[in-house]
């Protein structure tokens, strides 16, 4: 799987008899054997791992309620629904894939310092803060004191009552009562502005990482998961390092007589900027020669391919998985913190999930596609999502999150790799960036935006445990709906769409090779045919599966 362009840039700079400089050796190493494709995912996903698990906790610590947090997390993917495909169109139409990728990294590097500079809202006076807390917990205020001159926060018995109530309703980490409402509103709008700027650049980031991998792999897109798995390694490194540092800066405070724990999450944003800075020089070594096509780019042709029952059903399940991830990615730690989990346990759970993704991508994704096919893997993964949410809802001890996260690789990561494989096999080369960005927009923007808004509303309306039960039932219902739709509204059977097509084609080549050899032995003629140039016809299953794509592409 070595790219044809490997080490070309470095070799052009060398002169005969002159030893390589350190810069030339580094450049050549990055270009050979697709090493850059293994390094860039580590830094990109490592940067994301620094803030993604903790952003909701940081906003909660600043005094934002679950509904406002849900709105903030909805703005980002909602904007990405439009920005992500737009970046793909610009890159494919004007053939500027590397420029878009570099621009996204530079923009994201500036996000961390901007967040660090934002100031929290002013705190309320203790009397007002305790009054707010009593209202939040629905505790009668007439028990404020046993003495006419005694303040509420000086009454230990009353504070103990409030603390017990906070533990009872799993609200001990809620800080909305502590800050002035006007300051919280101002802070909310500041984050709205910052997240809009962030999403404009982030919309292109993960999509063009996928495009880079697909481009360098050329005719072997089925190995995409083996390179994307290094993103899981980056997630492991980023989450472990960040969790360890944040655990050190996790301190206990007593304000107005109430004990709570606060963490300096600003460190995570600085680390995110550092990870992106490390990925920038490696991004400059990438080339996108395989994406260059002589065929004209027409948006109409792309839309005709996209809006078919087969594609709509597959991308619908991807969108629903994105909805589920709206809770898993942004509110699972919120749920675990209510159960008493520490940042170290959260980081460990994230590490186990990422390790599961990496193992699945490196060793099981390709064999699973070849034996089960796209549709069967999507069905299996959605059933596992139903099981995961059931476990989240029944969980009383946060330590149980560790074994549950083992199936992360077989659920989310299997879905994502399958969607990318399905997309690459379904669209012509001139639509590569457009189709990949569309999948990202459907899963990581549209689905994620709906999921974060819905999760924030449900948690605020009920609680995180009830929300997990709702997602569990919804996953089961959607799984049944998907199976019915595939059976009744599509004319391509799952086994025909399977990656067994690759295996079948290889079997046909073997049969052709044996046939040529036997003919040569019977006729006793020299071995003149060049098997490498012999055109092998694709099996009937392949033709049936992708004939519409081929016909539209040729037209």
Foldseek 3Di string as FASTA:
>chain_A
DWFPCQLVVLVVPDDPPDDDDPVSVVLNVCRTPVVLLLQLLLLQLLLVLLPQQCVLLVLQLLQDALLLQLVLLLLLLQVLLPLLLVLLCVCLQVVPLLVLQLVLLVLLLVLLVVVLPDDGAAWDPLLQLVVLLCVVLVHDCPPQDPDPPDGSLRDLVNLVVSVVSCLVQLNLSGCNSTGDPVRSVVSSVVSSVSSVSNSSSVSHHPLSSLLLLCQRVQPPLLLSLLSNLSSLVSSLVSLQVSLVVQLVQWDWDADSNRIDIDTDSSVSSNVSSVSSVVSNVSSVSGDRVSLDDPDHDDVVLVVVLCPDLVNVLLLVLLLQLLLLVLCVRRPLVVLLVSLPDGSNLVSLLSSLLSVLQSCCSNPPLSVCLQPPNLVRLSLVLLLLSLVLLVCSLPDNHSNVSNVSSNCNNSHVSSSVSSLLVLQVLAADSSSNSSSSSVSCSSNNRNSSSNNSSVQSVVCVVGRNSVVSVVSSVVSVVVSVVSVVSCVPPDDQDRVLNGPVQVVVQVVQLVVVVVVLVVVCVVVVDPPDDDSVPDDGDRDPSPCVVHVVNVVSRVD
